[in-house]
């Protein structure tokens, strides 16, 4: 009896897509296969991640959902979440697993950090003579969760912002990344991280899919770097009132609307909530 063909799949957020699952099952319908799904999760290149394990845990939940579906349909499948960029993840998996073919799944180009960084073409070269298939998945067409990027520092614990995040979660499936640009003063990063940790913990205790990251001191730069690294569908920007907000004096909301071409929801929080010493 011949060995089953070994299919290596590289995917992270799109791993739960119906299109990818159907493609794998089409391959399985042509003969005996063994599927290994690798979900790369890389730390952002800037800032410190609060509860970084939540990002890995979210990837694991997505992966398990897909593996359960494949196994229920009779496909022999296993998977792993790895801390690596997709190119390194593929290189390591090929060396260790010696697959017969490769499937890579990404978001469309306008939402895919992998495509913007030319990672798919690099992976195609690494695959060499192995059959290589790139599937593009638009999760918005499958009614998957939106990725909402929230930008807030001293206002991150303000009830108007927390209520806006809750309202967005209630309006439809969404995952939230809260960016807190650190200040320039000594100790400001530690203080920002404490605030952010409290906000993330509070929202996650309510069942929301939230993680957080201390980011570049300039909020515009922080957002543009995050968009380069991850798929972002919507923005929520939280500031003090205009007369007290340096971000508003620098026209942050208008610049983000113009340069990201994403929906931007601006929340004004009048009184900052400080972390008790």
C-alpha atoms as a PDB file:
ATOM      1  CA  UNK A   1       0.000   0.000   0.000  1.00  0.00           C
ATOM      2  CA  UNK A   2       1.466   3.363  -1.045  1.00  0.00           C
ATOM      3  CA  UNK A   3       2.186   6.104   1.461  1.00  0.00           C
ATOM      4  CA  UNK A   4      -0.410   8.918   1.607  1.00  0.00           C
ATOM      5  CA  UNK A   5       0.590  12.201  -0.010  1.00  0.00           C
ATOM      6  CA  UNK A   6       1.713  14.679   2.615  1.00  0.00           C
ATOM      7  CA  UNK A   7       0.175  18.141   2.162  1.00  0.00           C
ATOM      8  CA  UNK A   8       1.745  21.019   4.084  1.00  0.00           C
ATOM      9  CA  UNK A   9      -0.534  24.013   4.677  1.00  0.00           C
ATOM     10  CA  UNK A  10       0.779  27.403   5.869  1.00  0.00           C
ATOM     11  CA  UNK A  11      -1.984  29.687   7.157  1.00  0.00           C
ATOM     12  CA  UNK A  12      -2.867  31.759  10.181  1.00  0.00           C
ATOM     13  CA  UNK A  13      -5.978  33.945  10.252  1.00  0.00           C
ATOM     14  CA  UNK A  14      -7.362  32.401   7.070  1.00  0.00           C
ATOM     15  CA  UNK A  15      -6.968  28.853   8.386  1.00  0.00           C
ATOM     16  CA  UNK A  16     -10.647  28.813   9.373  1.00  0.00           C
ATOM     17  CA  UNK A  17     -11.885  29.820   5.929  1.00  0.00           C
ATOM     18  CA  UNK A  18     -14.362  27.600   4.121  1.00  0.00           C
ATOM     19  CA  UNK A  19     -12.432  28.105   0.896  1.00  0.00           C
ATOM     20  CA  UNK A  20      -9.213  26.708   2.334  1.00  0.00           C
ATOM     21  CA  UNK A  21     -10.980  23.779   3.998  1.00  0.00           C
ATOM     22  CA  UNK A  22     -12.793  22.941   0.750  1.00  0.00           C
ATOM     23  CA  UNK A  23      -9.509  23.072  -1.177  1.00  0.00           C
ATOM     24  CA  UNK A  24      -7.857  20.664   1.258  1.00  0.00           C
ATOM     25  CA  UNK A  25     -10.830  18.325   1.018  1.00  0.00           C
ATOM     26  CA  UNK A  26     -10.660  18.442  -2.783  1.00  0.00           C
ATOM     27  CA  UNK A  27      -7.073  17.242  -2.591  1.00  0.00           C
ATOM     28  CA  UNK A  28      -8.101  14.544  -0.123  1.00  0.00           C
ATOM     29  CA  UNK A  29     -10.781  13.401  -2.550  1.00  0.00           C
ATOM     30  CA  UNK A  30      -8.127  12.494  -5.127  1.00  0.00           C
ATOM     31  CA  UNK A  31      -6.457   9.885  -2.919  1.00  0.00           C
ATOM     32  CA  UNK A  32      -5.020   9.156   0.489  1.00  0.00           C
ATOM     33  CA  UNK A  33      -3.453  12.237   2.095  1.00  0.00           C
ATOM     34  CA  UNK A  34      -1.908  13.354   5.368  1.00  0.00           C
ATOM     35  CA  UNK A  35      -2.332  17.070   6.085  1.00  0.00           C
ATOM     36  CA  UNK A  36      -0.143  19.151   8.381  1.00  0.00           C
ATOM     37  CA  UNK A  37      -1.260  22.721   9.036  1.00  0.00           C
ATOM     38  CA  UNK A  38       1.353  25.173  10.317  1.00  0.00           C
ATOM     39  CA  UNK A  39       0.122  28.503  11.744  1.00  0.00           C
ATOM     40  CA  UNK A  40       2.963  31.039  12.083  1.00  0.00           C
ATOM     41  CA  UNK A  41       2.587  33.698  14.780  1.00  0.00           C
ATOM     42  CA  UNK A  42       5.371  36.261  14.953  1.00  0.00           C
ATOM     43  CA  UNK A  43       5.990  38.931  17.545  1.00  0.00           C
ATOM     44  CA  UNK A  44       5.610  42.411  16.037  1.00  0.00           C
ATOM     45  CA  UNK A  45       8.870  44.078  15.114  1.00  0.00           C
ATOM     46  CA  UNK A  46       8.073  47.099  17.298  1.00  0.00           C
ATOM     47  CA  UNK A  47       6.936  47.322  20.904  1.00  0.00           C
ATOM     48  CA  UNK A  48       6.162  44.791  23.567  1.00  0.00           C
ATOM     49  CA  UNK A  49       3.138  42.563  23.399  1.00  0.00           C
ATOM     50  CA  UNK A  50       0.880  42.429  26.427  1.00  0.00           C
ATOM     51  CA  UNK A  51      -0.343  38.866  26.878  1.00  0.00           C
ATOM     52  CA  UNK A  52       1.473  37.696  23.786  1.00  0.00           C
ATOM     53  CA  UNK A  53       0.197  34.211  24.546  1.00  0.00           C
ATOM     54  CA  UNK A  54      -3.318  35.416  23.702  1.00  0.00           C
ATOM     55  CA  UNK A  55      -2.251  35.761  20.081  1.00  0.00           C
ATOM     56  CA  UNK A  56      -0.911  32.232  20.069  1.00  0.00           C
ATOM     57  CA  UNK A  57      -4.020  31.021  21.864  1.00  0.00           C
ATOM     58  CA  UNK A  58      -6.246  32.653  19.248  1.00  0.00           C
ATOM     59  CA  UNK A  59      -4.239  30.995  16.476  1.00  0.00           C
ATOM     60  CA  UNK A  60      -4.545  27.663  18.280  1.00  0.00           C
ATOM     61  CA  UNK A  61      -8.327  28.036  18.560  1.00  0.00           C
ATOM     62  CA  UNK A  62      -8.613  28.763  14.835  1.00  0.00           C
ATOM     63  CA  UNK A  63      -6.360  25.848  14.006  1.00  0.00           C
ATOM     64  CA  UNK A  64      -8.244  23.413  16.230  1.00  0.00           C
ATOM     65  CA  UNK A  65     -11.539  24.430  14.646  1.00  0.00           C
ATOM     66  CA  UNK A  66     -10.182  23.618  11.181  1.00  0.00           C
ATOM     67  CA  UNK A  67      -8.579  20.355  12.264  1.00  0.00           C
ATOM     68  CA  UNK A  68     -11.842  19.243  13.870  1.00  0.00           C
ATOM     69  CA  UNK A  69     -13.730  20.012  10.652  1.00  0.00           C
ATOM     70  CA  UNK A  70     -11.214  18.156   8.473  1.00  0.00           C
ATOM     71  CA  UNK A  71     -11.112  15.133  10.754  1.00  0.00           C
ATOM     72  CA  UNK A  72     -14.910  15.038  10.935  1.00  0.00           C
ATOM     73  CA  UNK A  73     -14.921  14.878   7.136  1.00  0.00           C
ATOM     74  CA  UNK A  74     -12.464  11.993   7.166  1.00  0.00           C
ATOM     75  CA  UNK A  75      -9.252  13.882   6.385  1.00  0.00           C
ATOM     76  CA  UNK A  76      -6.185  12.856   8.413  1.00  0.00           C
ATOM     77  CA  UNK A  77      -4.946  16.223   9.652  1.00  0.00           C
ATOM     78  CA  UNK A  78      -2.752  17.623  12.406  1.00  0.00           C
ATOM     79  CA  UNK A  79      -1.327  21.049  13.060  1.00  0.00           C
ATOM     80  CA  UNK A  80       0.927  23.263  15.122  1.00  0.00           C
ATOM     81  CA  UNK A  81       1.276  26.932  16.002  1.00  0.00           C
ATOM     82  CA  UNK A  82       4.869  28.152  15.620  1.00  0.00           C
ATOM     83  CA  UNK A  83       6.580  31.367  16.662  1.00  0.00           C
ATOM     84  CA  UNK A  84       8.054  32.331  13.321  1.00  0.00           C
ATOM     85  CA  UNK A  85       7.442  34.360  10.201  1.00  0.00           C
ATOM     86  CA  UNK A  86       5.742  32.396   7.391  1.00  0.00           C
ATOM     87  CA  UNK A  87       8.891  32.054   5.293  1.00  0.00           C
ATOM     88  CA  UNK A  88      10.898  30.578   8.157  1.00  0.00           C
ATOM     89  CA  UNK A  89       7.943  28.401   9.147  1.00  0.00           C
ATOM     90  CA  UNK A  90       7.768  26.902   5.663  1.00  0.00           C
ATOM     91  CA  UNK A  91      11.523  26.369   5.437  1.00  0.00           C
ATOM     92  CA  UNK A  92      11.594  24.568   8.792  1.00  0.00           C
ATOM     93  CA  UNK A  93       8.519  22.488   7.994  1.00  0.00           C
ATOM     94  CA  UNK A  94       9.928  21.338   4.641  1.00  0.00           C
ATOM     95  CA  UNK A  95      13.205  20.337   6.275  1.00  0.00           C
ATOM     96  CA  UNK A  96      11.500  18.448   9.072  1.00  0.00           C
ATOM     97  CA  UNK A  97       8.430  16.967   7.374  1.00  0.00           C
ATOM     98  CA  UNK A  98       9.477  16.499   3.729  1.00  0.00           C
ATOM     99  CA  UNK A  99       5.977  17.163   2.325  1.00  0.00           C
ATOM    100  CA  UNK A 100       4.834  16.276  -1.190  1.00  0.00           C
ATOM    101  CA  UNK A 101       3.063  19.563  -1.849  1.00  0.00           C
ATOM    102  CA  UNK A 102       2.480  22.977  -0.286  1.00  0.00           C
ATOM    103  CA  UNK A 103      -0.618  25.138   0.103  1.00  0.00           C
ATOM    104  CA  UNK A 104      -0.257  28.728   1.348  1.00  0.00           C
ATOM    105  CA  UNK A 105      -3.323  30.729   2.328  1.00  0.00           C
ATOM    106  CA  UNK A 106      -3.415  34.540   2.652  1.00  0.00           C
ATOM    107  CA  UNK A 107      -5.793  37.453   2.806  1.00  0.00           C
ATOM    108  CA  UNK A 108      -6.243  39.549  -0.366  1.00  0.00           C
ATOM    109  CA  UNK A 109      -3.294  41.790  -1.164  1.00  0.00           C
ATOM    110  CA  UNK A 110      -4.749  44.950   0.382  1.00  0.00           C
ATOM    111  CA  UNK A 111      -5.132  43.160   3.736  1.00  0.00           C
ATOM    112  CA  UNK A 112      -2.202  40.753   3.663  1.00  0.00           C
ATOM    113  CA  UNK A 113       1.080  41.581   5.364  1.00  0.00           C
ATOM    114  CA  UNK A 114       2.504  38.377   3.853  1.00  0.00           C
ATOM    115  CA  UNK A 115       1.821  39.622   0.329  1.00  0.00           C
ATOM    116  CA  UNK A 116       2.995  43.167   1.035  1.00  0.00           C
ATOM    117  CA  UNK A 117       6.301  41.719   2.264  1.00  0.00           C
ATOM    118  CA  UNK A 118       6.585  39.415  -0.761  1.00  0.00           C
ATOM    119  CA  UNK A 119       6.526  36.406   1.572  1.00  0.00           C
ATOM    120  CA  UNK A 120       4.498  34.216  -0.794  1.00  0.00           C
ATOM    121  CA  UNK A 121       7.043  34.521  -3.602  1.00  0.00           C
ATOM    122  CA  UNK A 122       9.825  33.762  -1.125  1.00  0.00           C
ATOM    123  CA  UNK A 123       7.916  30.676   0.003  1.00  0.00           C
ATOM    124  CA  UNK A 124       7.384  29.632  -3.600  1.00  0.00           C
ATOM    125  CA  UNK A 125      11.155  29.718  -4.141  1.00  0.00           C
ATOM    126  CA  UNK A 126      11.780  27.751  -0.945  1.00  0.00           C
ATOM    127  CA  UNK A 127       9.291  25.091  -2.059  1.00  0.00           C
ATOM    128  CA  UNK A 128      11.421  24.566  -5.170  1.00  0.00           C
ATOM    129  CA  UNK A 129      10.073  21.684  -7.241  1.00  0.00           C
ATOM    130  CA  UNK A 130       7.249  20.860  -4.828  1.00  0.00           C
ATOM    131  CA  UNK A 131       3.754  21.569  -6.157  1.00  0.00           C
ATOM    132  CA  UNK A 132       2.855  24.957  -4.681  1.00  0.00           C
ATOM    133  CA  UNK A 133      -0.633  26.460  -4.478  1.00  0.00           C
ATOM    134  CA  UNK A 134      -1.505  29.924  -3.180  1.00  0.00           C
ATOM    135  CA  UNK A 135      -5.135  30.432  -2.178  1.00  0.00           C
ATOM    136  CA  UNK A 136      -6.453  33.943  -1.490  1.00  0.00           C
ATOM    137  CA  UNK A 137      -9.231  34.131   1.097  1.00  0.00           C
ATOM    138  CA  UNK A 138     -11.435  37.148   1.751  1.00  0.00           C
ATOM    139  CA  UNK A 139     -12.880  36.426   5.174  1.00  0.00           C
ATOM    140  CA  UNK A 140     -15.294  39.356   4.844  1.00  0.00           C
ATOM    141  CA  UNK A 141     -17.114  37.389   2.156  1.00  0.00           C
ATOM    142  CA  UNK A 142     -17.397  34.468   4.576  1.00  0.00           C
ATOM    143  CA  UNK A 143     -18.634  36.708   7.389  1.00  0.00           C
ATOM    144  CA  UNK A 144     -15.536  36.036   9.466  1.00  0.00           C
ATOM    145  CA  UNK A 145     -14.547  38.297  12.379  1.00  0.00           C
ATOM    146  CA  UNK A 146     -13.301  41.782  11.567  1.00  0.00           C
ATOM    147  CA  UNK A 147      -9.900  42.860  12.868  1.00  0.00           C
ATOM    148  CA  UNK A 148     -10.358  46.128  14.748  1.00  0.00           C
ATOM    149  CA  UNK A 149      -7.275  48.161  15.686  1.00  0.00           C
ATOM    150  CA  UNK A 150      -7.792  50.365  18.753  1.00  0.00           C
ATOM    151  CA  UNK A 151      -5.351  53.208  19.469  1.00  0.00           C
ATOM    152  CA  UNK A 152      -5.330  54.611  22.998  1.00  0.00           C
ATOM    153  CA  UNK A 153      -2.873  55.353  25.776  1.00  0.00           C
ATOM    154  CA  UNK A 154      -3.946  57.430  28.785  1.00  0.00           C
ATOM    155  CA  UNK A 155      -7.606  57.013  27.793  1.00  0.00           C
ATOM    156  CA  UNK A 156      -7.455  53.228  27.390  1.00  0.00           C
ATOM    157  CA  UNK A 157      -9.403  52.593  30.608  1.00  0.00           C
ATOM    158  CA  UNK A 158     -11.992  55.283  29.939  1.00  0.00           C
ATOM    159  CA  UNK A 159     -15.554  53.999  29.960  1.00  0.00           C
ATOM    160  CA  UNK A 160     -16.479  55.717  26.658  1.00  0.00           C
ATOM    161  CA  UNK A 161     -13.760  53.706  24.893  1.00  0.00           C
ATOM    162  CA  UNK A 162     -14.543  50.428  26.655  1.00  0.00           C
ATOM    163  CA  UNK A 163     -18.229  50.891  25.864  1.00  0.00           C
ATOM    164  CA  UNK A 164     -17.412  51.572  22.206  1.00  0.00           C
ATOM    165  CA  UNK A 165     -15.372  48.359  22.025  1.00  0.00           C
ATOM    166  CA  UNK A 166     -18.212  46.432  23.667  1.00  0.00           C
ATOM    167  CA  UNK A 167     -20.710  47.934  21.232  1.00  0.00           C
ATOM    168  CA  UNK A 168     -18.550  46.985  18.254  1.00  0.00           C
ATOM    169  CA  UNK A 169     -18.246  43.430  19.555  1.00  0.00           C
ATOM    170  CA  UNK A 170     -22.021  43.257  19.988  1.00  0.00           C
ATOM    171  CA  UNK A 171     -22.573  44.520  16.431  1.00  0.00           C
ATOM    172  CA  UNK A 172     -20.788  41.571  14.822  1.00  0.00           C
ATOM    173  CA  UNK A 173     -17.837  39.174  15.124  1.00  0.00           C
ATOM    174  CA  UNK A 174     -14.638  41.099  15.799  1.00  0.00           C
ATOM    175  CA  UNK A 175     -11.153  40.677  17.237  1.00  0.00           C
ATOM    176  CA  UNK A 176      -9.443  43.677  18.805  1.00  0.00           C
ATOM    177  CA  UNK A 177      -5.799  44.716  19.023  1.00  0.00           C
ATOM    178  CA  UNK A 178      -5.291  47.669  21.370  1.00  0.00           C
ATOM    179  CA  UNK A 179      -2.174  49.713  20.615  1.00  0.00           C
ATOM    180  CA  UNK A 180      -0.867  51.953  23.379  1.00  0.00           C
ATOM    181  CA  UNK A 181       1.833  54.316  22.099  1.00  0.00           C
ATOM    182  CA  UNK A 182       4.310  54.772  24.942  1.00  0.00           C
ATOM    183  CA  UNK A 183       5.241  58.261  26.061  1.00  0.00           C
ATOM    184  CA  UNK A 184       8.744  59.696  26.007  1.00  0.00           C
ATOM    185  CA  UNK A 185       9.089  60.325  29.757  1.00  0.00           C
ATOM    186  CA  UNK A 186      11.042  57.846  31.934  1.00  0.00           C
ATOM    187  CA  UNK A 187       8.766  55.063  33.133  1.00  0.00           C
ATOM    188  CA  UNK A 188       5.998  55.929  30.684  1.00  0.00           C
ATOM    189  CA  UNK A 189       6.205  52.565  28.916  1.00  0.00           C
ATOM    190  CA  UNK A 190       5.734  50.666  32.193  1.00  0.00           C
ATOM    191  CA  UNK A 191       2.796  52.870  33.160  1.00  0.00           C
ATOM    192  CA  UNK A 192       1.209  52.453  29.731  1.00  0.00           C
ATOM    193  CA  UNK A 193       1.649  48.695  29.967  1.00  0.00           C
ATOM    194  CA  UNK A 194      -0.124  48.578  33.341  1.00  0.00           C
ATOM    195  CA  UNK A 195      -3.086  50.507  31.955  1.00  0.00           C
ATOM    196  CA  UNK A 196      -3.185  48.343  28.867  1.00  0.00           C
ATOM    197  CA  UNK A 197      -2.973  45.134  30.844  1.00  0.00           C
ATOM    198  CA  UNK A 198      -5.945  46.199  32.953  1.00  0.00           C
ATOM    199  CA  UNK A 199      -7.988  47.071  29.868  1.00  0.00           C
ATOM    200  CA  UNK A 200      -7.158  43.809  28.088  1.00  0.00           C
ATOM    201  CA  UNK A 201      -7.876  41.735  31.209  1.00  0.00           C
ATOM    202  CA  UNK A 202     -11.181  43.486  31.810  1.00  0.00           C
ATOM    203  CA  UNK A 203     -12.453  43.040  28.257  1.00  0.00           C
ATOM    204  CA  UNK A 204     -11.257  39.460  27.972  1.00  0.00           C
ATOM    205  CA  UNK A 205     -13.051  38.633  31.221  1.00  0.00           C
ATOM    206  CA  UNK A 206     -16.232  39.715  29.429  1.00  0.00           C
ATOM    207  CA  UNK A 207     -15.587  37.232  26.636  1.00  0.00           C
ATOM    208  CA  UNK A 208     -14.156  39.623  24.034  1.00  0.00           C
ATOM    209  CA  UNK A 209     -11.279  38.592  21.766  1.00  0.00           C
ATOM    210  CA  UNK A 210      -8.746  41.250  22.751  1.00  0.00           C
ATOM    211  CA  UNK A 211      -4.992  41.529  22.924  1.00  0.00           C
ATOM    212  CA  UNK A 212      -2.701  44.505  23.390  1.00  0.00           C
ATOM    213  CA  UNK A 213       0.635  45.938  22.426  1.00  0.00           C
ATOM    214  CA  UNK A 214       2.841  48.783  23.618  1.00  0.00           C
ATOM    215  CA  UNK A 215       3.768  50.606  20.432  1.00  0.00           C
ATOM    216  CA  UNK A 216       5.833  53.383  18.901  1.00  0.00           C
ATOM    217  CA  UNK A 217       5.470  56.713  20.770  1.00  0.00           C
ATOM    218  CA  UNK A 218       3.965  58.385  17.699  1.00  0.00           C
ATOM    219  CA  UNK A 219       0.398  57.053  17.258  1.00  0.00           C
ATOM    220  CA  UNK A 220       0.394  57.557  13.483  1.00  0.00           C
ATOM    221  CA  UNK A 221       3.611  55.568  13.107  1.00  0.00           C
ATOM    222  CA  UNK A 222       2.295  52.902  15.490  1.00  0.00           C
ATOM    223  CA  UNK A 223      -0.827  52.400  13.379  1.00  0.00           C
ATOM    224  CA  UNK A 224       1.025  52.296  10.064  1.00  0.00           C
ATOM    225  CA  UNK A 225       3.483  49.726  11.451  1.00  0.00           C
ATOM    226  CA  UNK A 226       0.617  47.580  12.756  1.00  0.00           C
ATOM    227  CA  UNK A 227      -1.152  47.699   9.398  1.00  0.00           C
ATOM    228  CA  UNK A 228       2.063  46.547   7.759  1.00  0.00           C
ATOM    229  CA  UNK A 229       2.242  43.539  10.106  1.00  0.00           C
ATOM    230  CA  UNK A 230      -1.405  42.497  10.327  1.00  0.00           C
ATOM    231  CA  UNK A 231      -4.756  42.595   8.593  1.00  0.00           C
ATOM    232  CA  UNK A 232      -6.759  45.565   9.850  1.00  0.00           C
ATOM    233  CA  UNK A 233     -10.361  46.225   8.814  1.00  0.00           C
ATOM    234  CA  UNK A 234     -11.369  49.093  11.100  1.00  0.00           C
ATOM    235  CA  UNK A 235      -9.800  51.660  13.427  1.00  0.00           C
ATOM    236  CA  UNK A 236     -10.979  53.062  16.743  1.00  0.00           C
ATOM    237  CA  UNK A 237      -8.965  56.060  17.944  1.00  0.00           C
ATOM    238  CA  UNK A 238      -9.398  57.312  21.518  1.00  0.00           C
ATOM    239  CA  UNK A 239      -8.202  60.789  22.510  1.00  0.00           C
ATOM    240  CA  UNK A 240      -8.716  63.490  25.075  1.00  0.00           C
ATOM    241  CA  UNK A 241     -10.957  66.395  24.007  1.00  0.00           C
ATOM    242  CA  UNK A 242      -9.403  68.510  21.261  1.00  0.00           C
ATOM    243  CA  UNK A 243      -8.247  71.293  23.566  1.00  0.00           C
ATOM    244  CA  UNK A 244      -6.215  68.802  25.648  1.00  0.00           C
ATOM    245  CA  UNK A 245      -5.100  66.361  22.969  1.00  0.00           C
ATOM    246  CA  UNK A 246      -1.705  66.498  21.321  1.00  0.00           C
ATOM    247  CA  UNK A 247      -2.893  63.746  18.984  1.00  0.00           C
ATOM    248  CA  UNK A 248      -5.773  65.914  17.774  1.00  0.00           C
ATOM    249  CA  UNK A 249      -3.487  68.930  17.352  1.00  0.00           C
ATOM    250  CA  UNK A 250      -1.423  66.752  15.006  1.00  0.00           C
ATOM    251  CA  UNK A 251      -4.635  65.866  13.089  1.00  0.00           C
ATOM    252  CA  UNK A 252      -4.205  62.170  13.844  1.00  0.00           C
ATOM    253  CA  UNK A 253      -7.745  61.104  12.936  1.00  0.00           C
ATOM    254  CA  UNK A 254      -7.748  62.948   9.604  1.00  0.00           C
ATOM    255  CA  UNK A 255      -4.317  61.602   8.647  1.00  0.00           C
ATOM    256  CA  UNK A 256      -5.303  58.021   9.431  1.00  0.00           C
ATOM    257  CA  UNK A 257      -8.533  58.353   7.461  1.00  0.00           C
ATOM    258  CA  UNK A 258      -6.627  59.679   4.462  1.00  0.00           C
ATOM    259  CA  UNK A 259      -3.675  57.284   4.531  1.00  0.00           C
ATOM    260  CA  UNK A 260      -5.199  53.978   5.663  1.00  0.00           C
ATOM    261  CA  UNK A 261      -8.462  54.261   3.669  1.00  0.00           C
ATOM    262  CA  UNK A 262     -10.098  52.410   6.584  1.00  0.00           C
ATOM    263  CA  UNK A 263     -13.177  53.316   8.628  1.00  0.00           C
ATOM    264  CA  UNK A 264     -11.997  55.374  11.613  1.00  0.00           C
ATOM    265  CA  UNK A 265     -14.201  55.715  14.701  1.00  0.00           C
ATOM    266  CA  UNK A 266     -13.081  58.557  17.006  1.00  0.00           C
ATOM    267  CA  UNK A 267     -13.907  58.289  20.722  1.00  0.00           C
ATOM    268  CA  UNK A 268     -13.380  61.246  23.061  1.00  0.00           C
ATOM    269  CA  UNK A 269     -12.551  60.455  26.701  1.00  0.00           C
ATOM    270  CA  UNK A 270     -12.604  63.524  28.920  1.00  0.00           C
ATOM    271  CA  UNK A 271     -10.906  62.223  32.075  1.00  0.00           C
ATOM    272  CA  UNK A 272      -7.887  59.892  32.015  1.00  0.00           C
ATOM    273  CA  UNK A 273      -7.915  56.897  34.310  1.00  0.00           C
ATOM    274  CA  UNK A 274      -4.593  56.526  36.096  1.00  0.00           C
ATOM    275  CA  UNK A 275      -3.097  53.281  37.322  1.00  0.00           C
ATOM    276  CA  UNK A 276      -2.888  53.322  41.140  1.00  0.00           C
ATOM    277  CA  UNK A 277       0.654  53.162  42.458  1.00  0.00           C
END
